[in-house]
């Protein structure tokens, strides 16, 4: 056994084990990544597995409320996918977290192993929003910010928004993008591109933008910024938030105020 102290949560005891793939389950509540796994990344890991016969241990947790004895995956979705893609028949090395549910969820939020693809900011924000809504766990701003890498200011905004939604008797959808912007109740992400289709659209759009801007971006970034503002108006700030979160460079940008937007000084739980 080994005891580790991760930023923001209690010391966790880890136990090294070898288990069968059927013993591991993926619980969406403990999953930060949205959409499907990267097939290319799974193939790379599967190739490494068949070549060397080893991958870094998965991180799992045994939920005491479950009666089937299954282990909840906290970190390593692509590695688990690689084992399945390689039709692995042997045991899988795991590190079992001996902790309570509160700590397990925090571990899942902060998981960032070396063979894991980086999460998009929107995925990190959704995970932070999930932690904010865990009333019984009562995570501090420091814990949430450290685990998800979103700013404390964003966490404060989330707390304010959650209080507002509770006062209005509204149930959060789980999507911070949707909940913070008060999108229509009939909004669904079904029309949004995902996976390979999204990647193709991004590359095609990026190529078109570069062809339109030419070398201007290299020589006059502010001119390009003005072009983007003229083209997208108030939506430009939303785009920046989607990509980078609440960065200080955007603090003075004059756009509409989102529901629940506030500063740390306005948060009644500033020190928590």
C-alpha atoms as a PDB file:
ATOM      1  CA  UNK A   1       0.000   0.000   0.000  1.00  0.00           C
ATOM      2  CA  UNK A   2       1.057   3.587  -0.564  1.00  0.00           C
ATOM      3  CA  UNK A   3      -0.283   6.851   0.784  1.00  0.00           C
ATOM      4  CA  UNK A   4      -0.368   9.946  -1.411  1.00  0.00           C
ATOM      5  CA  UNK A   5      -1.467  13.478  -0.625  1.00  0.00           C
ATOM      6  CA  UNK A   6      -3.023  15.204  -3.612  1.00  0.00           C
ATOM      7  CA  UNK A   7      -3.673  18.927  -3.738  1.00  0.00           C
ATOM      8  CA  UNK A   8      -6.814  19.890  -1.933  1.00  0.00           C
ATOM      9  CA  UNK A   9      -7.943  16.562  -0.503  1.00  0.00           C
ATOM     10  CA  UNK A  10      -7.104  14.156   2.277  1.00  0.00           C
ATOM     11  CA  UNK A  11      -4.319  11.590   2.108  1.00  0.00           C
ATOM     12  CA  UNK A  12      -5.415   8.627   0.027  1.00  0.00           C
ATOM     13  CA  UNK A  13      -4.199   5.074   0.534  1.00  0.00           C
ATOM     14  CA  UNK A  14      -3.617   3.181  -2.721  1.00  0.00           C
ATOM     15  CA  UNK A  15      -3.558  -0.580  -3.089  1.00  0.00           C
ATOM     16  CA  UNK A  16      -1.959  -2.244  -6.115  1.00  0.00           C
ATOM     17  CA  UNK A  17      -4.100  -4.993  -7.611  1.00  0.00           C
ATOM     18  CA  UNK A  18      -4.572  -7.051 -10.764  1.00  0.00           C
ATOM     19  CA  UNK A  19      -8.151  -7.421 -11.981  1.00  0.00           C
ATOM     20  CA  UNK A  20     -10.141  -8.571 -15.001  1.00  0.00           C
ATOM     21  CA  UNK A  21     -11.538  -5.980 -17.391  1.00  0.00           C
ATOM     22  CA  UNK A  22     -15.076  -7.085 -16.557  1.00  0.00           C
ATOM     23  CA  UNK A  23     -14.602  -5.915 -12.979  1.00  0.00           C
ATOM     24  CA  UNK A  24     -14.113  -2.299 -14.076  1.00  0.00           C
ATOM     25  CA  UNK A  25     -17.045  -0.047 -14.919  1.00  0.00           C
ATOM     26  CA  UNK A  26     -17.225   3.479 -16.322  1.00  0.00           C
ATOM     27  CA  UNK A  27     -19.556   5.694 -14.298  1.00  0.00           C
ATOM     28  CA  UNK A  28     -20.372   8.944 -16.124  1.00  0.00           C
ATOM     29  CA  UNK A  29     -20.505  10.799 -12.814  1.00  0.00           C
ATOM     30  CA  UNK A  30     -16.783  10.112 -12.380  1.00  0.00           C
ATOM     31  CA  UNK A  31     -15.937  10.847 -16.006  1.00  0.00           C
ATOM     32  CA  UNK A  32     -14.705  14.277 -17.053  1.00  0.00           C
ATOM     33  CA  UNK A  33     -14.122  13.584 -20.744  1.00  0.00           C
ATOM     34  CA  UNK A  34     -17.098  14.198 -23.034  1.00  0.00           C
ATOM     35  CA  UNK A  35     -17.983  12.255 -26.152  1.00  0.00           C
ATOM     36  CA  UNK A  36     -16.232   9.209 -27.535  1.00  0.00           C
ATOM     37  CA  UNK A  37     -12.657   8.117 -26.930  1.00  0.00           C
ATOM     38  CA  UNK A  38      -9.997   9.017 -29.475  1.00  0.00           C
ATOM     39  CA  UNK A  39      -9.701   5.933 -31.666  1.00  0.00           C
ATOM     40  CA  UNK A  40      -6.237   6.990 -32.795  1.00  0.00           C
ATOM     41  CA  UNK A  41      -5.023   7.258 -29.200  1.00  0.00           C
ATOM     42  CA  UNK A  42      -6.567   3.905 -28.307  1.00  0.00           C
ATOM     43  CA  UNK A  43      -4.761   2.310 -31.285  1.00  0.00           C
ATOM     44  CA  UNK A  44      -1.424   3.766 -30.166  1.00  0.00           C
ATOM     45  CA  UNK A  45      -1.903   2.408 -26.653  1.00  0.00           C
ATOM     46  CA  UNK A  46      -3.112  -0.970 -27.929  1.00  0.00           C
ATOM     47  CA  UNK A  47       0.003  -1.214 -30.092  1.00  0.00           C
ATOM     48  CA  UNK A  48       2.191  -0.396 -27.098  1.00  0.00           C
ATOM     49  CA  UNK A  49       0.334  -3.000 -25.064  1.00  0.00           C
ATOM     50  CA  UNK A  50       0.840  -5.793 -27.590  1.00  0.00           C
ATOM     51  CA  UNK A  51       4.463  -4.771 -28.008  1.00  0.00           C
ATOM     52  CA  UNK A  52       5.551  -4.467 -24.384  1.00  0.00           C
ATOM     53  CA  UNK A  53       2.675  -6.163 -22.595  1.00  0.00           C
ATOM     54  CA  UNK A  54       2.304  -3.323 -20.103  1.00  0.00           C
ATOM     55  CA  UNK A  55       0.561  -0.005 -19.635  1.00  0.00           C
ATOM     56  CA  UNK A  56       0.488   2.232 -16.598  1.00  0.00           C
ATOM     57  CA  UNK A  57      -2.016   1.037 -13.970  1.00  0.00           C
ATOM     58  CA  UNK A  58      -5.570   2.332 -14.147  1.00  0.00           C
ATOM     59  CA  UNK A  59      -6.880   4.160 -11.109  1.00  0.00           C
ATOM     60  CA  UNK A  60     -10.109   2.767  -9.692  1.00  0.00           C
ATOM     61  CA  UNK A  61     -12.336   3.005  -6.637  1.00  0.00           C
ATOM     62  CA  UNK A  62     -14.704   0.529  -5.006  1.00  0.00           C
ATOM     63  CA  UNK A  63     -18.059   2.153  -4.339  1.00  0.00           C
ATOM     64  CA  UNK A  64     -19.393   0.740  -1.038  1.00  0.00           C
ATOM     65  CA  UNK A  65     -22.956   1.457  -2.156  1.00  0.00           C
ATOM     66  CA  UNK A  66     -22.675  -1.017  -5.034  1.00  0.00           C
ATOM     67  CA  UNK A  67     -23.554  -4.640  -4.392  1.00  0.00           C
ATOM     68  CA  UNK A  68     -21.835  -6.106  -7.460  1.00  0.00           C
ATOM     69  CA  UNK A  69     -18.301  -5.378  -6.252  1.00  0.00           C
ATOM     70  CA  UNK A  70     -17.457  -3.504  -9.459  1.00  0.00           C
ATOM     71  CA  UNK A  71     -14.566  -1.043  -9.506  1.00  0.00           C
ATOM     72  CA  UNK A  72     -15.321   2.484 -10.727  1.00  0.00           C
ATOM     73  CA  UNK A  73     -12.769   3.875 -13.178  1.00  0.00           C
ATOM     74  CA  UNK A  74     -11.236   7.145 -11.964  1.00  0.00           C
ATOM     75  CA  UNK A  75      -8.437   7.535 -14.512  1.00  0.00           C
ATOM     76  CA  UNK A  76      -7.454   5.615 -17.635  1.00  0.00           C
ATOM     77  CA  UNK A  77     -10.386   5.415 -20.050  1.00  0.00           C
ATOM     78  CA  UNK A  78      -8.128   5.240 -23.105  1.00  0.00           C
ATOM     79  CA  UNK A  79      -5.956   2.564 -21.493  1.00  0.00           C
ATOM     80  CA  UNK A  80      -9.052   0.521 -20.676  1.00  0.00           C
ATOM     81  CA  UNK A  81     -10.163   0.980 -24.287  1.00  0.00           C
ATOM     82  CA  UNK A  82      -6.751  -0.247 -25.442  1.00  0.00           C
ATOM     83  CA  UNK A  83      -7.074  -3.435 -23.400  1.00  0.00           C
ATOM     84  CA  UNK A  84     -10.431  -4.118 -25.016  1.00  0.00           C
ATOM     85  CA  UNK A  85      -9.185  -3.236 -28.515  1.00  0.00           C
ATOM     86  CA  UNK A  86      -6.247  -5.619 -28.084  1.00  0.00           C
ATOM     87  CA  UNK A  87      -8.653  -8.329 -26.853  1.00  0.00           C
ATOM     88  CA  UNK A  88      -6.537  -8.620 -23.731  1.00  0.00           C
ATOM     89  CA  UNK A  89      -7.266 -11.833 -21.825  1.00  0.00           C
ATOM     90  CA  UNK A  90      -4.909 -11.315 -18.914  1.00  0.00           C
ATOM     91  CA  UNK A  91      -5.216  -9.326 -15.719  1.00  0.00           C
ATOM     92  CA  UNK A  92      -5.094  -5.535 -15.769  1.00  0.00           C
ATOM     93  CA  UNK A  93      -2.934  -3.684 -13.222  1.00  0.00           C
ATOM     94  CA  UNK A  94      -4.860  -1.104 -11.221  1.00  0.00           C
ATOM     95  CA  UNK A  95      -4.318   1.171  -8.267  1.00  0.00           C
ATOM     96  CA  UNK A  96      -7.311   0.949  -5.973  1.00  0.00           C
ATOM     97  CA  UNK A  97      -8.081   4.123  -4.026  1.00  0.00           C
ATOM     98  CA  UNK A  98      -9.129   3.307  -0.474  1.00  0.00           C
ATOM     99  CA  UNK A  99     -11.155   6.408   0.247  1.00  0.00           C
ATOM    100  CA  UNK A 100     -14.656   7.822   0.526  1.00  0.00           C
ATOM    101  CA  UNK A 101     -16.840   8.942  -2.385  1.00  0.00           C
ATOM    102  CA  UNK A 102     -15.974  12.615  -1.843  1.00  0.00           C
ATOM    103  CA  UNK A 103     -12.258  11.997  -2.319  1.00  0.00           C
ATOM    104  CA  UNK A 104     -12.806   9.569  -5.201  1.00  0.00           C
ATOM    105  CA  UNK A 105     -14.712  12.190  -7.173  1.00  0.00           C
ATOM    106  CA  UNK A 106     -11.957  14.720  -6.536  1.00  0.00           C
ATOM    107  CA  UNK A 107      -9.349  12.236  -7.773  1.00  0.00           C
ATOM    108  CA  UNK A 108     -11.368  11.649 -10.948  1.00  0.00           C
ATOM    109  CA  UNK A 109     -11.620  15.395 -11.518  1.00  0.00           C
ATOM    110  CA  UNK A 110      -7.879  15.891 -11.174  1.00  0.00           C
ATOM    111  CA  UNK A 111      -6.720  12.809 -13.051  1.00  0.00           C
ATOM    112  CA  UNK A 112      -4.032  13.768 -15.548  1.00  0.00           C
ATOM    113  CA  UNK A 113      -1.788  10.811 -16.312  1.00  0.00           C
ATOM    114  CA  UNK A 114       0.942  11.010 -18.917  1.00  0.00           C
ATOM    115  CA  UNK A 115      -0.887   8.965 -21.580  1.00  0.00           C
ATOM    116  CA  UNK A 116      -4.169  10.810 -21.182  1.00  0.00           C
ATOM    117  CA  UNK A 117      -5.275  13.320 -23.801  1.00  0.00           C
ATOM    118  CA  UNK A 118      -5.728  16.818 -22.459  1.00  0.00           C
ATOM    119  CA  UNK A 119      -9.260  17.764 -21.525  1.00  0.00           C
ATOM    120  CA  UNK A 120     -10.882  20.693 -23.297  1.00  0.00           C
ATOM    121  CA  UNK A 121     -11.682  23.665 -21.070  1.00  0.00           C
ATOM    122  CA  UNK A 122     -15.408  22.985 -21.422  1.00  0.00           C
ATOM    123  CA  UNK A 123     -14.886  19.473 -20.018  1.00  0.00           C
ATOM    124  CA  UNK A 124     -12.903  20.834 -17.078  1.00  0.00           C
ATOM    125  CA  UNK A 125     -15.621  23.433 -16.451  1.00  0.00           C
ATOM    126  CA  UNK A 126     -18.345  20.778 -16.510  1.00  0.00           C
ATOM    127  CA  UNK A 127     -16.384  18.723 -13.983  1.00  0.00           C
ATOM    128  CA  UNK A 128     -15.944  21.770 -11.748  1.00  0.00           C
ATOM    129  CA  UNK A 129     -19.673  22.502 -12.067  1.00  0.00           C
ATOM    130  CA  UNK A 130     -20.342  18.900 -11.008  1.00  0.00           C
ATOM    131  CA  UNK A 131     -18.169  19.321  -7.893  1.00  0.00           C
ATOM    132  CA  UNK A 132     -19.890  22.601  -7.009  1.00  0.00           C
ATOM    133  CA  UNK A 133     -23.249  20.811  -7.108  1.00  0.00           C
ATOM    134  CA  UNK A 134     -22.071  18.102  -4.688  1.00  0.00           C
ATOM    135  CA  UNK A 135     -23.817  19.593  -1.647  1.00  0.00           C
ATOM    136  CA  UNK A 136     -22.863  16.864   0.812  1.00  0.00           C
ATOM    137  CA  UNK A 137     -19.190  16.823  -0.200  1.00  0.00           C
ATOM    138  CA  UNK A 138     -18.870  20.579   0.293  1.00  0.00           C
ATOM    139  CA  UNK A 139     -15.684  21.029  -1.724  1.00  0.00           C
ATOM    140  CA  UNK A 140     -13.717  24.213  -1.130  1.00  0.00           C
ATOM    141  CA  UNK A 141     -12.854  26.596  -3.949  1.00  0.00           C
ATOM    142  CA  UNK A 142      -9.203  25.633  -3.554  1.00  0.00           C
ATOM    143  CA  UNK A 143      -9.997  21.931  -3.946  1.00  0.00           C
ATOM    144  CA  UNK A 144     -12.127  22.433  -7.047  1.00  0.00           C
ATOM    145  CA  UNK A 145      -9.668  24.838  -8.685  1.00  0.00           C
ATOM    146  CA  UNK A 146      -6.701  22.550  -7.983  1.00  0.00           C
ATOM    147  CA  UNK A 147      -8.447  19.426  -9.275  1.00  0.00           C
ATOM    148  CA  UNK A 148      -9.953  20.884 -12.449  1.00  0.00           C
ATOM    149  CA  UNK A 149      -7.562  23.826 -13.118  1.00  0.00           C
ATOM    150  CA  UNK A 150     -10.447  26.274 -13.583  1.00  0.00           C
ATOM    151  CA  UNK A 151      -9.999  29.570 -11.761  1.00  0.00           C
ATOM    152  CA  UNK A 152     -11.353  30.278  -8.290  1.00  0.00           C
ATOM    153  CA  UNK A 153     -13.279  33.135  -9.846  1.00  0.00           C
ATOM    154  CA  UNK A 154     -15.067  30.638 -12.092  1.00  0.00           C
ATOM    155  CA  UNK A 155     -15.878  28.462  -9.077  1.00  0.00           C
ATOM    156  CA  UNK A 156     -17.310  31.524  -7.316  1.00  0.00           C
ATOM    157  CA  UNK A 157     -19.445  32.251 -10.389  1.00  0.00           C
ATOM    158  CA  UNK A 158     -20.675  28.672 -10.363  1.00  0.00           C
ATOM    159  CA  UNK A 159     -21.677  28.866  -6.708  1.00  0.00           C
ATOM    160  CA  UNK A 160     -23.564  32.076  -7.343  1.00  0.00           C
ATOM    161  CA  UNK A 161     -25.304  30.566 -10.354  1.00  0.00           C
ATOM    162  CA  UNK A 162     -26.253  27.429  -8.400  1.00  0.00           C
ATOM    163  CA  UNK A 163     -27.821  29.521  -5.622  1.00  0.00           C
ATOM    164  CA  UNK A 164     -29.768  31.477  -8.226  1.00  0.00           C
ATOM    165  CA  UNK A 165     -31.043  28.329  -9.936  1.00  0.00           C
ATOM    166  CA  UNK A 166     -32.125  26.842  -6.603  1.00  0.00           C
ATOM    167  CA  UNK A 167     -34.017  30.025  -5.743  1.00  0.00           C
ATOM    168  CA  UNK A 168     -35.772  29.823  -9.120  1.00  0.00           C
ATOM    169  CA  UNK A 169     -36.553  26.136  -8.613  1.00  0.00           C
ATOM    170  CA  UNK A 170     -34.566  25.140 -11.682  1.00  0.00           C
ATOM    171  CA  UNK A 171     -32.617  21.915 -12.090  1.00  0.00           C
ATOM    172  CA  UNK A 172     -29.090  22.206 -13.556  1.00  0.00           C
ATOM    173  CA  UNK A 173     -28.498  20.243 -16.748  1.00  0.00           C
ATOM    174  CA  UNK A 174     -24.890  19.457 -15.869  1.00  0.00           C
ATOM    175  CA  UNK A 175     -23.510  21.481 -18.773  1.00  0.00           C
ATOM    176  CA  UNK A 176     -21.886  24.663 -17.462  1.00  0.00           C
ATOM    177  CA  UNK A 177     -22.081  26.226 -20.909  1.00  0.00           C
ATOM    178  CA  UNK A 178     -25.832  25.752 -20.960  1.00  0.00           C
ATOM    179  CA  UNK A 179     -26.570  26.459 -17.300  1.00  0.00           C
ATOM    180  CA  UNK A 180     -24.540  29.666 -17.039  1.00  0.00           C
ATOM    181  CA  UNK A 181     -25.971  31.192 -20.207  1.00  0.00           C
ATOM    182  CA  UNK A 182     -29.623  30.410 -19.521  1.00  0.00           C
ATOM    183  CA  UNK A 183     -30.048  28.654 -22.854  1.00  0.00           C
ATOM    184  CA  UNK A 184     -33.539  27.661 -23.891  1.00  0.00           C
ATOM    185  CA  UNK A 185     -34.969  24.677 -22.054  1.00  0.00           C
ATOM    186  CA  UNK A 186     -35.384  22.773 -25.309  1.00  0.00           C
ATOM    187  CA  UNK A 187     -31.694  23.124 -26.203  1.00  0.00           C
ATOM    188  CA  UNK A 188     -29.865  19.858 -26.837  1.00  0.00           C
ATOM    189  CA  UNK A 189     -26.287  19.139 -27.971  1.00  0.00           C
ATOM    190  CA  UNK A 190     -27.519  16.697 -30.618  1.00  0.00           C
ATOM    191  CA  UNK A 191     -26.870  19.151 -33.418  1.00  0.00           C
ATOM    192  CA  UNK A 192     -23.258  19.697 -32.396  1.00  0.00           C
ATOM    193  CA  UNK A 193     -20.557  17.865 -34.294  1.00  0.00           C
ATOM    194  CA  UNK A 194     -18.488  15.326 -32.393  1.00  0.00           C
ATOM    195  CA  UNK A 195     -15.506  13.092 -32.980  1.00  0.00           C
ATOM    196  CA  UNK A 196     -13.974  12.842 -36.447  1.00  0.00           C
ATOM    197  CA  UNK A 197     -16.706  14.981 -38.038  1.00  0.00           C
ATOM    198  CA  UNK A 198     -15.923  17.797 -35.624  1.00  0.00           C
ATOM    199  CA  UNK A 199     -12.180  17.484 -36.266  1.00  0.00           C
ATOM    200  CA  UNK A 200     -12.741  17.751 -40.021  1.00  0.00           C
ATOM    201  CA  UNK A 201     -14.945  20.811 -39.590  1.00  0.00           C
ATOM    202  CA  UNK A 202     -12.344  22.467 -37.346  1.00  0.00           C
ATOM    203  CA  UNK A 203      -9.524  21.875 -39.837  1.00  0.00           C
ATOM    204  CA  UNK A 204     -11.600  23.097 -42.777  1.00  0.00           C
ATOM    205  CA  UNK A 205     -12.704  26.214 -40.918  1.00  0.00           C
ATOM    206  CA  UNK A 206      -9.189  26.961 -39.686  1.00  0.00           C
ATOM    207  CA  UNK A 207      -7.865  26.682 -43.241  1.00  0.00           C
ATOM    208  CA  UNK A 208     -10.535  29.070 -44.529  1.00  0.00           C
ATOM    209  CA  UNK A 209      -9.769  31.611 -41.796  1.00  0.00           C
ATOM    210  CA  UNK A 210      -6.014  31.472 -42.472  1.00  0.00           C
ATOM    211  CA  UNK A 211      -6.607  31.928 -46.195  1.00  0.00           C
ATOM    212  CA  UNK A 212      -8.809  34.953 -45.492  1.00  0.00           C
ATOM    213  CA  UNK A 213      -6.439  36.573 -43.003  1.00  0.00           C
ATOM    214  CA  UNK A 214      -3.219  35.659 -44.758  1.00  0.00           C
ATOM    215  CA  UNK A 215      -0.057  36.981 -43.123  1.00  0.00           C
ATOM    216  CA  UNK A 216      -1.902  39.688 -41.241  1.00  0.00           C
ATOM    217  CA  UNK A 217      -2.084  37.561 -38.103  1.00  0.00           C
ATOM    218  CA  UNK A 218       1.709  37.406 -37.938  1.00  0.00           C
ATOM    219  CA  UNK A 219       2.226  41.145 -38.334  1.00  0.00           C
ATOM    220  CA  UNK A 220      -0.816  42.748 -36.716  1.00  0.00           C
ATOM    221  CA  UNK A 221      -2.570  40.597 -34.140  1.00  0.00           C
ATOM    222  CA  UNK A 222      -4.705  43.503 -32.949  1.00  0.00           C
ATOM    223  CA  UNK A 223      -6.070  44.050 -36.438  1.00  0.00           C
ATOM    224  CA  UNK A 224      -7.111  40.409 -36.592  1.00  0.00           C
ATOM    225  CA  UNK A 225      -8.679  40.744 -33.134  1.00  0.00           C
ATOM    226  CA  UNK A 226     -10.699  43.719 -34.393  1.00  0.00           C
ATOM    227  CA  UNK A 227     -11.790  41.645 -37.384  1.00  0.00           C
ATOM    228  CA  UNK A 228     -13.000  38.881 -35.091  1.00  0.00           C
ATOM    229  CA  UNK A 229     -14.862  41.358 -32.899  1.00  0.00           C
ATOM    230  CA  UNK A 230     -16.545  42.894 -35.937  1.00  0.00           C
ATOM    231  CA  UNK A 231     -17.511  39.441 -37.178  1.00  0.00           C
ATOM    232  CA  UNK A 232     -18.707  37.867 -33.930  1.00  0.00           C
ATOM    233  CA  UNK A 233     -19.525  40.773 -31.619  1.00  0.00           C
ATOM    234  CA  UNK A 234     -20.579  39.771 -28.118  1.00  0.00           C
ATOM    235  CA  UNK A 235     -20.035  36.097 -28.909  1.00  0.00           C
ATOM    236  CA  UNK A 236     -16.273  36.648 -28.982  1.00  0.00           C
ATOM    237  CA  UNK A 237     -16.091  36.660 -25.181  1.00  0.00           C
ATOM    238  CA  UNK A 238     -18.085  33.431 -25.048  1.00  0.00           C
ATOM    239  CA  UNK A 239     -15.572  31.885 -27.431  1.00  0.00           C
ATOM    240  CA  UNK A 240     -12.671  33.013 -25.249  1.00  0.00           C
ATOM    241  CA  UNK A 241     -14.352  31.606 -22.140  1.00  0.00           C
ATOM    242  CA  UNK A 242     -14.936  28.316 -23.962  1.00  0.00           C
ATOM    243  CA  UNK A 243     -11.273  28.038 -24.920  1.00  0.00           C
ATOM    244  CA  UNK A 244      -9.456  29.567 -21.972  1.00  0.00           C
ATOM    245  CA  UNK A 245     -11.886  30.178 -19.136  1.00  0.00           C
ATOM    246  CA  UNK A 246     -11.939  33.320 -17.010  1.00  0.00           C
ATOM    247  CA  UNK A 247      -8.538  34.755 -17.855  1.00  0.00           C
ATOM    248  CA  UNK A 248      -7.585  38.190 -16.555  1.00  0.00           C
ATOM    249  CA  UNK A 249      -6.780  39.502 -20.037  1.00  0.00           C
ATOM    250  CA  UNK A 250     -10.512  39.459 -20.839  1.00  0.00           C
ATOM    251  CA  UNK A 251     -11.659  41.143 -17.641  1.00  0.00           C
ATOM    252  CA  UNK A 252     -12.090  44.552 -19.241  1.00  0.00           C
ATOM    253  CA  UNK A 253     -13.766  43.366 -22.414  1.00  0.00           C
ATOM    254  CA  UNK A 254     -17.209  44.968 -22.642  1.00  0.00           C
ATOM    255  CA  UNK A 255     -19.755  42.253 -23.271  1.00  0.00           C
ATOM    256  CA  UNK A 256     -23.057  41.161 -21.794  1.00  0.00           C
ATOM    257  CA  UNK A 257     -23.005  39.916 -18.229  1.00  0.00           C
ATOM    258  CA  UNK A 258     -23.745  36.220 -17.924  1.00  0.00           C
ATOM    259  CA  UNK A 259     -26.208  34.968 -15.353  1.00  0.00           C
ATOM    260  CA  UNK A 260     -24.481  34.371 -12.062  1.00  0.00           C
ATOM    261  CA  UNK A 261     -21.336  36.315 -12.988  1.00  0.00           C
ATOM    262  CA  UNK A 262     -19.539  37.723  -9.971  1.00  0.00           C
ATOM    263  CA  UNK A 263     -16.113  38.322  -8.473  1.00  0.00           C
ATOM    264  CA  UNK A 264     -14.494  36.550  -5.555  1.00  0.00           C
ATOM    265  CA  UNK A 265     -15.222  39.517  -3.302  1.00  0.00           C
ATOM    266  CA  UNK A 266     -18.948  38.998  -3.857  1.00  0.00           C
ATOM    267  CA  UNK A 267     -18.886  35.348  -2.827  1.00  0.00           C
ATOM    268  CA  UNK A 268     -20.244  34.747   0.646  1.00  0.00           C
ATOM    269  CA  UNK A 269     -17.963  31.703   0.906  1.00  0.00           C
ATOM    270  CA  UNK A 270     -14.796  33.550  -0.111  1.00  0.00           C
ATOM    271  CA  UNK A 271     -12.525  31.611   2.250  1.00  0.00           C
ATOM    272  CA  UNK A 272     -14.060  28.220   1.613  1.00  0.00           C
END
